[in-house]
Amino acid sequence: MTKSDLERERKQVIAIKKKPDAPVFLFLEGANMEKRFLEKLKHWNISEKDHIYLGASGGGDSQALLLLLLSAQKEIPFQLSLLHVHHGLRNTADRDEAFVCAFAEKHHLSLRIFHGDVANLAKEEGLSIEEAARDFRCALFLEVLEENERNKVFLAHHKQDQAETVLMRMVRGSGIPGLTGMTPIRGRFYRPLLETSKEELLSYLKEKGESFCYDETNDSDFALRNKLRHHIFPYLESINPKVVENLCRLSVNAKEMWALIQEIMEEEKKRGVQDIFGWTFQRRRFLDFSSAKAHAFLHGLLHEKLFKGISREQILFWEELIRRGEGENSHGKMQLYVNRDSYFIGEKCDYPPYEVSLEKKNVEIPFSSLILWVKSSNIEEMRSFPPNEHRIYADKDKLEKFTLRNRRKGDVFSPFGFSGTKKLKDFFIDEKIPYWKRDAIPLLCSGKEILWIPGYRRSDKALVDEETKEIVCVEERR
């Protein structure tokens, strides 16, 4: 690393200028930084049982994190290995790989190197180079995590990276979840430097006399992040030197707001009814929500399933449909159905026709997590465990071949306790079963006749009486 390279790296940092009413910015000494880092690892319960993999690019940020991990390893003897990704994008990428290899050999560290053609991947997937590179790295790191539950991946994102991420998402129109920025811990990905500035890391490297590689693409404007770093941040900093601190504070505030939104969502989910299709909620309660609470609830529920691509306009439209009391709409893989009394939010599904023979004692019910059990029974069991919507008893001699299927055009049903037959469609309407759910409702048939609609009603066919010799019990179980 030459002196000019170091100077170029320093120019990537947002300078903090002294003003009469501003505190003087003091760099932490290396020992204090190592102490603070060690305390963070202890707070995260990192132990000797953990295997930490560091994403090592050879750049200044990852080299600083590597030195901090080596220092912490003296007190917490965790296993430490390096992961280096060669994206096949830069002429100097071979140099970076050689640098990481030399460091790993010098410090007796295990190193795994991955090569990829990111430019071609970006073209095939219709992604930007930056997006393709990130996805490529993430897929590799996930494979490493899957090898052992004690594996953890450490990444060297710092305070300026966090500020850039927040501003970049603001420019792209992200909502509250986007403004939360990067999280210190997500699954088994760890970012311990999010509260540490680029200047602190460079100062630490200088104190340790440690060299690093410089990525020349940092000087270009090929990516939005670089454009913000080179042009927008210097301008914002000229207005307010604390712009990085303020954007990071905004990230913290957004995290707190998003946590509140999720609390609202979880509380309402407890009041709803969940089935294999999704959630059904009482519309009357929604009508008492303020617009802000309604928005928060729908945003949380949609984000949980879709993660991204949720607009304010879409949420407001769904709120309008629910308050109106009728209508339906789909967004991505999610769907909304509203009637006068309730509304349903769940994933869109197709339910093709099926028919399953019940030759075995049990069979999985298609499109559900339930199993249908068939067994011999007796009158004593029937008295101890009376029939209900999830269990029926039938006279074996009055039964034909059992099949399980979904509805067909022209189906009729003779509900127990009802005189005569009715169209299955009319039964579903009477039971207030939404039309989109009807193709997934299982029908237990005896021959061509519907014997039972599990979870709803049995028919008046094959009833047990005093002349019954053998009893069959059919039960719906989880």
Protein backbone atom coordinates (compact mmCIF):
# COMPACT_ATOMS: atom_id res chain seq x y z
CA MET A 1 0.00 0.00 0.00
CA THR A 2 1.69 3.21 -1.15
CA LYS A 3 1.32 6.62 0.45
CA SER A 4 -0.77 7.84 -2.49
CA ASP A 5 -3.04 4.80 -2.17
CA LEU A 6 -3.56 5.56 1.51
CA GLU A 7 -4.42 9.15 0.66
CA ARG A 8 -6.96 8.02 -1.95
CA GLU A 9 -8.54 5.70 0.60
CA ARG A 10 -8.81 8.51 3.10
CA LYS A 11 -10.64 10.65 0.54
CA GLN A 12 -13.49 8.13 0.62
CA VAL A 13 -14.19 9.23 4.18
CA ILE A 14 -16.52 12.08 4.97
CA ALA A 15 -14.25 14.63 6.61
CA ILE A 16 -15.40 16.04 9.90
CA LYS A 17 -14.45 19.70 10.08
CA LYS A 18 -13.89 21.45 13.36
CA LYS A 19 -16.26 24.24 14.23
CA PRO A 20 -16.26 26.46 17.32
CA ASP A 21 -19.44 24.86 18.66
CA ALA A 22 -18.58 21.27 17.68
CA PRO A 23 -16.60 18.77 19.80
CA VAL A 24 -13.16 17.83 18.56
CA PHE A 25 -13.19 14.41 16.86
CA LEU A 26 -10.80 12.07 18.70
CA PHE A 27 -9.64 8.74 17.28
CA LEU A 28 -9.66 5.81 19.66
CA GLU A 29 -6.28 4.32 20.33
CA GLY A 30 -5.79 0.80 19.02
CA ALA A 31 -5.93 -0.78 22.47
CA ASN A 32 -9.23 0.93 23.26
CA MET A 33 -10.71 -0.14 19.93
CA GLU A 34 -9.68 -3.74 20.59
CA LYS A 35 -11.20 -3.57 24.08
CA ARG A 36 -14.47 -2.20 22.74
CA PHE A 37 -14.53 -4.88 20.02
CA LEU A 38 -13.89 -7.66 22.55
CA GLU A 39 -16.74 -6.40 24.74
CA LYS A 40 -19.06 -6.50 21.73
CA LEU A 41 -18.16 -10.13 20.98
CA LYS A 42 -18.79 -11.06 24.62
CA HIS A 43 -22.13 -9.26 24.51
CA TRP A 44 -22.96 -11.35 21.43
CA ASN A 45 -22.00 -14.51 23.36
CA ILE A 46 -19.22 -15.45 20.95
CA SER A 47 -17.36 -18.41 22.47
CA GLU A 48 -14.66 -20.93 21.75
CA LYS A 49 -17.37 -23.18 20.24
CA ASP A 50 -17.91 -20.73 17.37
CA HIS A 51 -16.24 -20.83 13.98
CA ILE A 52 -15.99 -17.31 12.59
CA TYR A 53 -15.55 -16.87 8.85
CA LEU A 54 -14.44 -13.41 7.78
CA GLY A 55 -15.25 -12.11 4.33
CA ALA A 56 -11.71 -11.00 3.51
CA SER A 57 -11.31 -8.83 0.44
CA GLY A 58 -7.85 -7.56 1.32
CA GLY A 59 -9.22 -4.00 1.54
CA GLY A 60 -8.74 -1.70 4.49
CA ASP A 61 -12.08 -2.41 6.18
CA SER A 62 -11.76 -6.19 6.17
CA GLN A 63 -8.08 -6.02 7.17
CA ALA A 64 -8.98 -3.88 10.19
CA LEU A 65 -11.70 -6.33 11.18
CA LEU A 66 -9.27 -9.21 10.71
CA LEU A 67 -6.75 -7.62 13.08
CA LEU A 68 -9.49 -7.01 15.64
CA LEU A 69 -10.58 -10.65 15.43
CA LEU A 70 -7.01 -11.87 15.86
CA SER A 71 -6.70 -9.65 18.93
CA ALA A 72 -10.00 -10.89 20.41
CA GLN A 73 -8.99 -14.49 19.70
CA LYS A 74 -6.33 -14.20 22.40
CA GLU A 75 -9.08 -14.03 25.03
CA ILE A 76 -11.87 -15.94 23.27
CA PRO A 77 -10.28 -18.91 21.45
CA PHE A 78 -12.87 -19.17 18.67
CA GLN A 79 -11.89 -20.73 15.36
CA LEU A 80 -11.12 -18.16 12.66
CA SER A 81 -11.09 -18.74 8.90
CA LEU A 82 -11.08 -16.47 5.85
CA LEU A 83 -13.37 -16.38 2.82
CA HIS A 84 -12.14 -14.58 -0.28
CA VAL A 85 -14.34 -14.03 -3.35
CA HIS A 86 -12.71 -13.38 -6.74
CA HIS A 87 -15.47 -11.77 -8.81
CA GLY A 88 -13.53 -11.85 -12.08
CA LEU A 89 -14.15 -8.13 -12.62
CA ARG A 90 -10.87 -6.28 -12.06
CA ASN A 91 -7.36 -6.70 -13.41
CA THR A 92 -6.06 -6.26 -9.86
CA ALA A 93 -8.30 -8.98 -8.42
CA ASP A 94 -5.44 -11.49 -8.70
CA ARG A 95 -3.29 -9.12 -6.67
CA ASP A 96 -5.91 -8.96 -3.93
CA GLU A 97 -6.19 -12.74 -3.86
CA ALA A 98 -2.42 -13.11 -3.53
CA PHE A 99 -2.40 -10.55 -0.71
CA VAL A 100 -5.07 -12.43 1.27
CA CYS A 101 -3.29 -15.75 0.64
CA ALA A 102 -0.02 -14.34 1.97
CA PHE A 103 -1.70 -12.94 5.08
CA ALA A 104 -3.50 -16.23 5.76
CA GLU A 105 -0.25 -18.18 5.39
CA LYS A 106 1.65 -15.78 7.66
CA HIS A 107 -0.95 -16.06 10.43
CA HIS A 108 -1.72 -19.77 9.90
CA LEU A 109 -5.36 -19.13 9.00
CA SER A 110 -7.57 -21.41 6.95
CA LEU A 111 -8.59 -19.75 3.67
CA ARG A 112 -11.26 -20.64 1.15
CA ILE A 113 -11.26 -18.90 -2.23
CA PHE A 114 -14.25 -18.69 -4.55
CA HIS A 115 -14.09 -17.64 -8.21
CA GLY A 116 -17.01 -16.40 -10.26
CA ASP A 117 -17.91 -14.68 -13.52
CA VAL A 118 -20.05 -11.94 -12.02
CA ALA A 119 -20.30 -9.92 -15.24
CA ASN A 120 -21.90 -12.88 -17.02
CA LEU A 121 -24.12 -13.61 -14.02
CA ALA A 122 -25.36 -10.00 -14.05
CA LYS A 123 -26.21 -10.29 -17.73
CA GLU A 124 -28.04 -13.60 -17.32
CA GLU A 125 -30.05 -12.44 -14.31
CA GLY A 126 -30.71 -8.89 -15.52
CA LEU A 127 -28.94 -7.39 -12.51
CA SER A 128 -26.46 -4.60 -12.01
CA ILE A 129 -22.86 -5.63 -11.44
CA GLU A 130 -23.15 -4.56 -7.80
CA GLU A 131 -26.34 -6.59 -7.26
CA ALA A 132 -24.92 -9.67 -8.99
CA ALA A 133 -21.71 -9.50 -6.95
CA ARG A 134 -23.67 -9.21 -3.71
CA ASP A 135 -25.95 -12.12 -4.60
CA PHE A 136 -22.96 -14.24 -5.61
CA ARG A 137 -21.19 -13.60 -2.30
CA CYS A 138 -24.33 -14.14 -0.26
CA ALA A 139 -25.03 -17.52 -1.89
CA LEU A 140 -21.48 -18.67 -1.15
CA PHE A 141 -21.59 -17.47 2.44
CA LEU A 142 -24.93 -19.19 3.02
CA GLU A 143 -23.40 -22.47 1.85
CA VAL A 144 -20.67 -22.03 4.46
CA LEU A 145 -23.23 -21.35 7.18
CA GLU A 146 -25.18 -24.48 6.28
CA GLU A 147 -22.13 -26.66 6.92
CA ASN A 148 -22.31 -26.23 10.69
CA GLU A 149 -24.73 -24.49 13.05
CA ARG A 150 -21.81 -22.89 14.92
CA ASN A 151 -20.47 -21.18 11.78
CA LYS A 152 -20.78 -17.40 11.65
CA VAL A 153 -19.88 -14.96 8.87
CA PHE A 154 -18.40 -11.58 9.87
CA LEU A 155 -18.60 -8.64 7.47
CA ALA A 156 -16.68 -5.36 7.66
CA HIS A 157 -19.40 -2.79 6.95
CA HIS A 158 -18.75 0.39 8.96
CA LYS A 159 -20.53 3.61 9.90
CA GLN A 160 -20.07 5.32 6.51
CA ASP A 161 -21.38 2.20 4.75
CA GLN A 162 -24.48 2.37 6.94
CA ALA A 163 -25.04 6.06 6.14
CA GLU A 164 -24.61 5.39 2.41
CA THR A 165 -27.07 2.50 2.58
CA VAL A 166 -29.73 4.62 4.29
CA LEU A 167 -29.30 7.52 1.83
CA MET A 168 -29.28 5.16 -1.15
CA ARG A 169 -32.55 3.59 -0.02
CA MET A 170 -34.07 7.03 0.55
CA VAL A 171 -33.17 7.97 -3.03
CA ARG A 172 -34.81 4.77 -4.27
CA GLY A 173 -38.00 5.49 -2.31
CA SER A 174 -37.72 2.84 0.40
CA GLY A 175 -40.16 2.82 3.31
CA ILE A 176 -39.43 2.36 7.00
CA PRO A 177 -37.97 -1.18 6.64
CA GLY A 178 -35.45 0.11 4.09
CA LEU A 179 -34.45 3.05 6.28
CA THR A 180 -33.44 0.64 9.05
CA GLY A 181 -30.29 0.04 7.01
CA MET A 182 -28.04 -2.87 7.85
CA THR A 183 -28.50 -4.73 11.12
CA PRO A 184 -25.54 -5.73 13.35
CA ILE A 185 -26.82 -9.32 13.45
CA ARG A 186 -29.02 -10.95 10.86
CA GLY A 187 -29.28 -14.68 11.24
CA ARG A 188 -25.64 -15.75 11.48
CA PHE A 189 -24.26 -12.75 9.60
CA TYR A 190 -22.47 -10.31 11.90
CA ARG A 191 -21.46 -6.69 11.27
CA PRO A 192 -19.53 -5.55 14.36
CA LEU A 193 -18.18 -2.29 12.85
CA LEU A 194 -21.42 -0.44 12.10
CA GLU A 195 -20.70 1.99 14.93
CA THR A 196 -17.09 2.48 13.85
CA SER A 197 -16.02 5.13 11.37
CA LYS A 198 -13.80 4.65 8.33
CA GLU A 199 -11.30 7.10 9.84
CA GLU A 200 -11.04 5.01 13.00
CA LEU A 201 -10.32 1.88 10.96
CA LEU A 202 -7.64 3.60 8.87
CA SER A 203 -6.06 5.06 11.99
CA TYR A 204 -6.02 1.60 13.57
CA LEU A 205 -4.33 0.08 10.51
CA LYS A 206 -1.74 2.85 10.50
CA GLU A 207 -1.00 2.30 14.19
CA LYS A 208 -0.57 -1.43 13.58
CA GLY A 209 1.60 -0.81 10.51
CA GLU A 210 -0.69 -3.05 8.49
CA SER A 211 -0.92 -2.73 4.70
CA PHE A 212 -4.00 -3.41 2.59
CA CYS A 213 -5.20 -3.41 -1.01
CA TYR A 214 -6.98 -0.52 -2.68
CA ASP A 215 -9.95 -1.18 -4.97
CA GLU A 216 -9.62 1.18 -7.94
CA THR A 217 -13.33 0.88 -8.74
CA ASN A 218 -13.97 3.02 -5.66
CA ASP A 219 -12.78 5.97 -7.78
CA SER A 220 -15.41 5.45 -10.48
CA ASP A 221 -19.08 6.45 -10.55
CA PHE A 222 -20.35 3.19 -12.04
CA ALA A 223 -22.61 2.41 -9.04
CA LEU A 224 -25.15 4.55 -7.22
CA ARG A 225 -23.27 4.08 -3.96
CA ASN A 226 -20.12 5.54 -5.53
CA LYS A 227 -22.02 8.51 -6.96
CA LEU A 228 -23.44 9.31 -3.54
CA ARG A 229 -20.02 8.89 -1.93
CA HIS A 230 -18.19 11.13 -4.40
CA HIS A 231 -20.76 13.85 -5.05
CA ILE A 232 -23.75 13.89 -2.71
CA PHE A 233 -22.06 13.23 0.63
CA PRO A 234 -19.42 15.97 0.22
CA TYR A 235 -22.21 18.44 -0.58
CA LEU A 236 -24.36 17.32 2.36
CA GLU A 237 -21.33 17.43 4.65
CA SER A 238 -20.69 21.02 3.61
CA ILE A 239 -24.18 21.81 4.93
CA ASN A 240 -23.92 19.68 8.07
CA PRO A 241 -20.65 17.92 9.05
CA LYS A 242 -22.67 15.44 11.11
CA VAL A 243 -24.58 14.02 8.14
CA VAL A 244 -23.14 10.51 8.64
CA GLU A 245 -24.05 10.53 12.33
CA ASN A 246 -27.53 11.83 11.55
CA LEU A 247 -28.23 9.20 8.88
CA CYS A 248 -27.07 6.47 11.25
CA ARG A 249 -29.36 7.93 13.93
CA LEU A 250 -32.20 7.88 11.41
CA SER A 251 -31.48 4.18 10.92
CA VAL A 252 -31.82 3.57 14.66
CA ASN A 253 -35.09 5.54 14.81
CA ALA A 254 -36.45 3.58 11.83
CA LYS A 255 -35.55 0.30 13.57
CA GLU A 256 -37.53 1.37 16.64
CA MET A 257 -40.51 2.43 14.51
CA TRP A 258 -40.40 -0.83 12.54
CA ALA A 259 -40.30 -2.83 15.78
CA LEU A 260 -43.48 -1.01 16.88
CA ILE A 261 -45.16 -1.81 13.55
CA GLN A 262 -44.27 -5.48 13.98
CA GLU A 263 -45.71 -5.46 17.51
CA ILE A 264 -48.99 -4.12 16.13
CA MET A 265 -49.00 -6.80 13.43
CA GLU A 266 -48.28 -9.65 15.87
CA GLU A 267 -50.94 -8.46 18.30
CA GLU A 268 -53.57 -8.40 15.55
CA LYS A 269 -52.51 -11.81 14.24
CA LYS A 270 -53.39 -13.24 17.67
CA ARG A 271 -56.95 -12.00 17.13
CA GLY A 272 -57.20 -13.47 13.63
CA VAL A 273 -57.78 -17.04 12.51
CA GLN A 274 -54.96 -18.75 10.66
CA ASP A 275 -55.41 -21.68 8.33
CA ILE A 276 -53.36 -23.19 5.51
CA PHE A 277 -54.49 -20.38 3.23
CA GLY A 278 -53.55 -17.37 5.35
CA TRP A 279 -55.24 -15.12 7.91
CA THR A 280 -58.90 -14.20 8.36
CA PHE A 281 -59.73 -11.14 10.47
CA GLN A 282 -62.93 -9.55 11.72
CA ARG A 283 -63.65 -6.44 9.68
CA ARG A 284 -65.48 -4.70 12.55
CA ARG A 285 -62.24 -4.39 14.52
CA PHE A 286 -60.37 -2.98 11.53
CA LEU A 287 -62.98 -0.23 11.17
CA ASP A 288 -61.99 1.05 14.64
CA PHE A 289 -58.34 1.42 13.60
CA SER A 290 -56.91 4.85 12.93
CA SER A 291 -55.53 5.20 9.42
CA ALA A 292 -52.01 5.11 10.88
CA LYS A 293 -52.64 1.82 12.73
CA ALA A 294 -54.37 0.27 9.71
CA HIS A 295 -51.42 1.24 7.53
CA ALA A 296 -48.91 -0.14 10.05
CA PHE A 297 -50.77 -3.46 10.35
CA LEU A 298 -51.11 -4.03 6.60
CA HIS A 299 -47.53 -2.93 5.96
CA GLY A 300 -46.19 -5.37 8.56
CA LEU A 301 -48.26 -8.28 7.28
CA LEU A 302 -47.36 -7.71 3.64
CA HIS A 303 -43.69 -7.14 4.37
CA GLU A 304 -43.55 -10.40 6.32
CA LYS A 305 -44.50 -12.30 3.17
CA LEU A 306 -43.17 -10.15 0.33
CA PHE A 307 -40.19 -8.41 2.00
CA LYS A 308 -40.01 -5.78 -0.75
CA GLY A 309 -42.02 -4.22 -3.55
CA ILE A 310 -44.72 -2.83 -1.23
CA SER A 311 -45.86 0.68 -2.06
CA ARG A 312 -47.78 3.11 0.08
CA GLU A 313 -50.43 3.30 -2.65
CA GLN A 314 -50.96 -0.47 -2.48
CA ILE A 315 -51.41 -0.42 1.28
CA LEU A 316 -53.86 2.49 1.10
CA PHE A 317 -55.84 0.68 -1.60
CA TRP A 318 -56.16 -2.44 0.56
CA GLU A 319 -57.22 -0.29 3.51
CA GLU A 320 -59.91 1.28 1.32
CA LEU A 321 -61.23 -2.14 0.20
CA ILE A 322 -61.47 -3.39 3.80
CA ARG A 323 -63.24 -0.25 4.99
CA ARG A 324 -65.62 -0.45 2.00
CA GLY A 325 -66.55 -4.02 2.95
CA GLU A 326 -66.26 -5.72 -0.41
CA GLY A 327 -63.75 -6.45 -3.13
CA GLU A 328 -60.61 -8.37 -3.86
CA ASN A 329 -57.09 -7.59 -5.03
CA SER A 330 -53.77 -9.32 -5.47
CA HIS A 331 -50.26 -7.95 -5.11
CA GLY A 332 -47.26 -10.11 -5.94
CA LYS A 333 -48.00 -13.51 -4.43
CA MET A 334 -50.44 -12.05 -1.88
CA GLN A 335 -54.19 -11.69 -2.17
CA LEU A 336 -56.93 -9.85 -0.28
CA TYR A 337 -60.61 -10.87 -0.14
CA VAL A 338 -63.14 -8.74 1.70
CA ASN A 339 -66.78 -9.29 2.61
CA ARG A 340 -69.16 -7.53 4.96
CA ASP A 341 -68.01 -9.40 8.09
CA SER A 342 -64.36 -10.31 7.52
CA TYR A 343 -61.33 -10.03 5.30
CA PHE A 344 -58.70 -12.55 4.30
CA ILE A 345 -55.00 -11.98 3.54
CA GLY A 346 -52.92 -14.89 2.24
CA GLU A 347 -50.84 -16.28 -0.57
CA LYS A 348 -52.33 -16.84 -4.01
CA CYS A 349 -52.66 -20.54 -4.80
CA ASP A 350 -54.01 -22.73 -7.57
CA TYR A 351 -55.88 -25.88 -6.58
CA PRO A 352 -56.06 -28.28 -9.52
CA PRO A 353 -58.56 -31.17 -9.49
CA TYR A 354 -57.45 -34.28 -7.60
CA GLU A 355 -58.82 -37.64 -6.44
CA VAL A 356 -57.05 -39.90 -3.94
CA SER A 357 -58.03 -43.46 -3.05
CA LEU A 358 -58.12 -44.23 0.69
CA GLU A 359 -56.63 -47.70 0.42
CA LYS A 360 -54.25 -46.94 3.30
CA LYS A 361 -55.22 -46.27 6.90
CA ASN A 362 -54.19 -42.65 6.54
CA VAL A 363 -53.67 -40.20 3.73
CA GLU A 364 -52.40 -36.63 3.54
CA ILE A 365 -55.07 -34.13 2.58
CA PRO A 366 -53.85 -32.16 -0.47
CA PHE A 367 -53.26 -28.41 -0.02
CA SER A 368 -53.17 -28.75 3.77
CA SER A 369 -51.07 -29.93 6.69
CA LEU A 370 -53.78 -32.40 7.77
CA ILE A 371 -54.05 -36.18 7.58
CA LEU A 372 -57.21 -38.24 7.23
CA TRP A 373 -57.17 -41.38 9.43
CA VAL A 374 -59.42 -44.38 8.75
CA LYS A 375 -59.78 -47.10 11.35
CA SER A 376 -62.19 -49.74 12.70
CA SER A 377 -64.16 -48.59 15.72
CA ASN A 378 -66.94 -49.65 18.09
CA ILE A 379 -69.90 -48.20 19.92
CA GLU A 380 -67.92 -47.66 23.15
CA GLU A 381 -65.37 -45.44 21.35
CA MET A 382 -68.17 -43.63 19.61
CA ARG A 383 -69.72 -42.79 22.99
CA SER A 384 -66.37 -41.78 24.53
CA PHE A 385 -65.33 -39.65 21.55
CA PRO A 386 -68.53 -38.36 19.96
CA PRO A 387 -68.58 -37.32 16.30
CA ASN A 388 -67.90 -33.69 15.42
CA GLU A 389 -66.72 -31.63 12.44
CA HIS A 390 -63.33 -33.36 12.63
CA ARG A 391 -64.48 -36.94 13.27
CA ILE A 392 -67.26 -39.14 11.87
CA TYR A 393 -68.46 -42.72 12.34
CA ALA A 394 -70.09 -44.75 9.57
CA ASP A 395 -71.71 -48.14 9.00
CA LYS A 396 -69.14 -50.17 7.05
CA ASP A 397 -71.77 -52.28 5.28
CA LYS A 398 -73.37 -49.13 3.82
CA LEU A 399 -70.13 -47.78 2.43
CA GLU A 400 -68.62 -48.04 -1.02
CA LYS A 401 -65.02 -47.35 -1.99
CA PHE A 402 -63.53 -44.37 -0.14
CA THR A 403 -62.03 -41.56 -2.19
CA LEU A 404 -60.86 -38.08 -1.28
CA ARG A 405 -61.24 -35.34 -3.86
CA ASN A 406 -62.08 -31.67 -4.32
CA ARG A 407 -65.28 -30.30 -5.79
CA ARG A 408 -66.62 -30.90 -9.28
CA LYS A 409 -69.22 -29.13 -11.31
CA GLY A 410 -72.72 -30.34 -10.40
CA ASP A 411 -71.82 -31.76 -6.95
CA VAL A 412 -74.72 -32.16 -4.55
CA PHE A 413 -74.67 -32.83 -0.82
CA SER A 414 -77.18 -34.14 1.73
CA PRO A 415 -76.14 -32.49 5.03
CA PHE A 416 -77.00 -34.40 8.19
CA GLY A 417 -80.08 -32.87 9.76
CA PHE A 418 -81.23 -31.32 6.49
CA SER A 419 -84.19 -32.74 4.61
CA GLY A 420 -83.18 -33.53 1.04
CA THR A 421 -80.13 -32.50 -0.97
CA LYS A 422 -78.63 -29.16 -1.95
CA LYS A 423 -76.02 -28.01 -4.39
CA LEU A 424 -72.55 -28.11 -2.91
CA LYS A 425 -72.11 -24.53 -4.10
CA ASP A 426 -75.16 -23.47 -2.04
CA PHE A 427 -73.78 -25.28 1.01
CA PHE A 428 -70.48 -23.40 0.69
CA ILE A 429 -72.38 -20.13 0.40
CA ASP A 430 -74.46 -20.93 3.50
CA GLU A 431 -71.27 -21.75 5.42
CA LYS A 432 -69.71 -18.48 4.20
CA ILE A 433 -66.75 -20.29 2.62
CA PRO A 434 -65.10 -17.85 0.17
CA TYR A 435 -65.19 -19.02 -3.43
CA TRP A 436 -61.38 -18.87 -3.76
CA LYS A 437 -61.06 -21.40 -0.92
CA ARG A 438 -63.62 -23.90 -2.20
CA ASP A 439 -61.34 -25.81 -4.60
CA ALA A 440 -59.06 -26.66 -1.66
CA ILE A 441 -61.85 -28.04 0.57
CA PRO A 442 -61.49 -31.87 0.74
CA LEU A 443 -64.53 -34.06 0.12
CA LEU A 444 -64.65 -37.63 1.49
CA CYS A 445 -66.75 -39.70 -0.88
CA SER A 446 -68.34 -43.11 -0.63
CA GLY A 447 -68.62 -44.19 -4.21
CA LYS A 448 -70.05 -41.17 -6.05
CA GLU A 449 -71.74 -39.63 -3.01
CA ILE A 450 -70.18 -37.04 -0.71
CA LEU A 451 -70.06 -38.62 2.75
CA TRP A 452 -68.29 -35.89 4.68
CA ILE A 453 -66.75 -32.43 4.25
CA PRO A 454 -63.93 -32.56 6.84
CA GLY A 455 -63.98 -29.59 9.14
CA TYR A 456 -67.60 -28.74 8.26
CA ARG A 457 -70.42 -31.33 8.04
CA ARG A 458 -71.11 -34.98 7.35
CA SER A 459 -73.96 -36.23 5.17
CA ASP A 460 -76.95 -38.34 6.15
CA LYS A 461 -75.39 -41.36 4.36
CA ALA A 462 -74.09 -44.55 6.07
CA LEU A 463 -75.28 -43.52 9.54
CA VAL A 464 -74.64 -45.85 12.46
CA ASP A 465 -77.84 -47.40 13.90
CA GLU A 466 -78.84 -50.38 16.09
CA GLU A 467 -78.47 -52.76 13.15
CA THR A 468 -74.88 -51.70 12.42
CA LYS A 469 -72.40 -54.59 12.71
CA GLU A 470 -69.09 -52.86 11.93
CA ILE A 471 -68.20 -49.23 12.54
CA VAL A 472 -65.60 -47.22 10.68
CA CYS A 473 -64.13 -44.05 12.17
CA VAL A 474 -62.64 -41.35 9.92
CA GLU A 475 -60.74 -38.56 11.64
CA GLU A 476 -59.01 -35.38 10.53
CA ARG A 477 -55.70 -34.91 12.35
CA ARG A 478 -52.71 -32.59 12.26
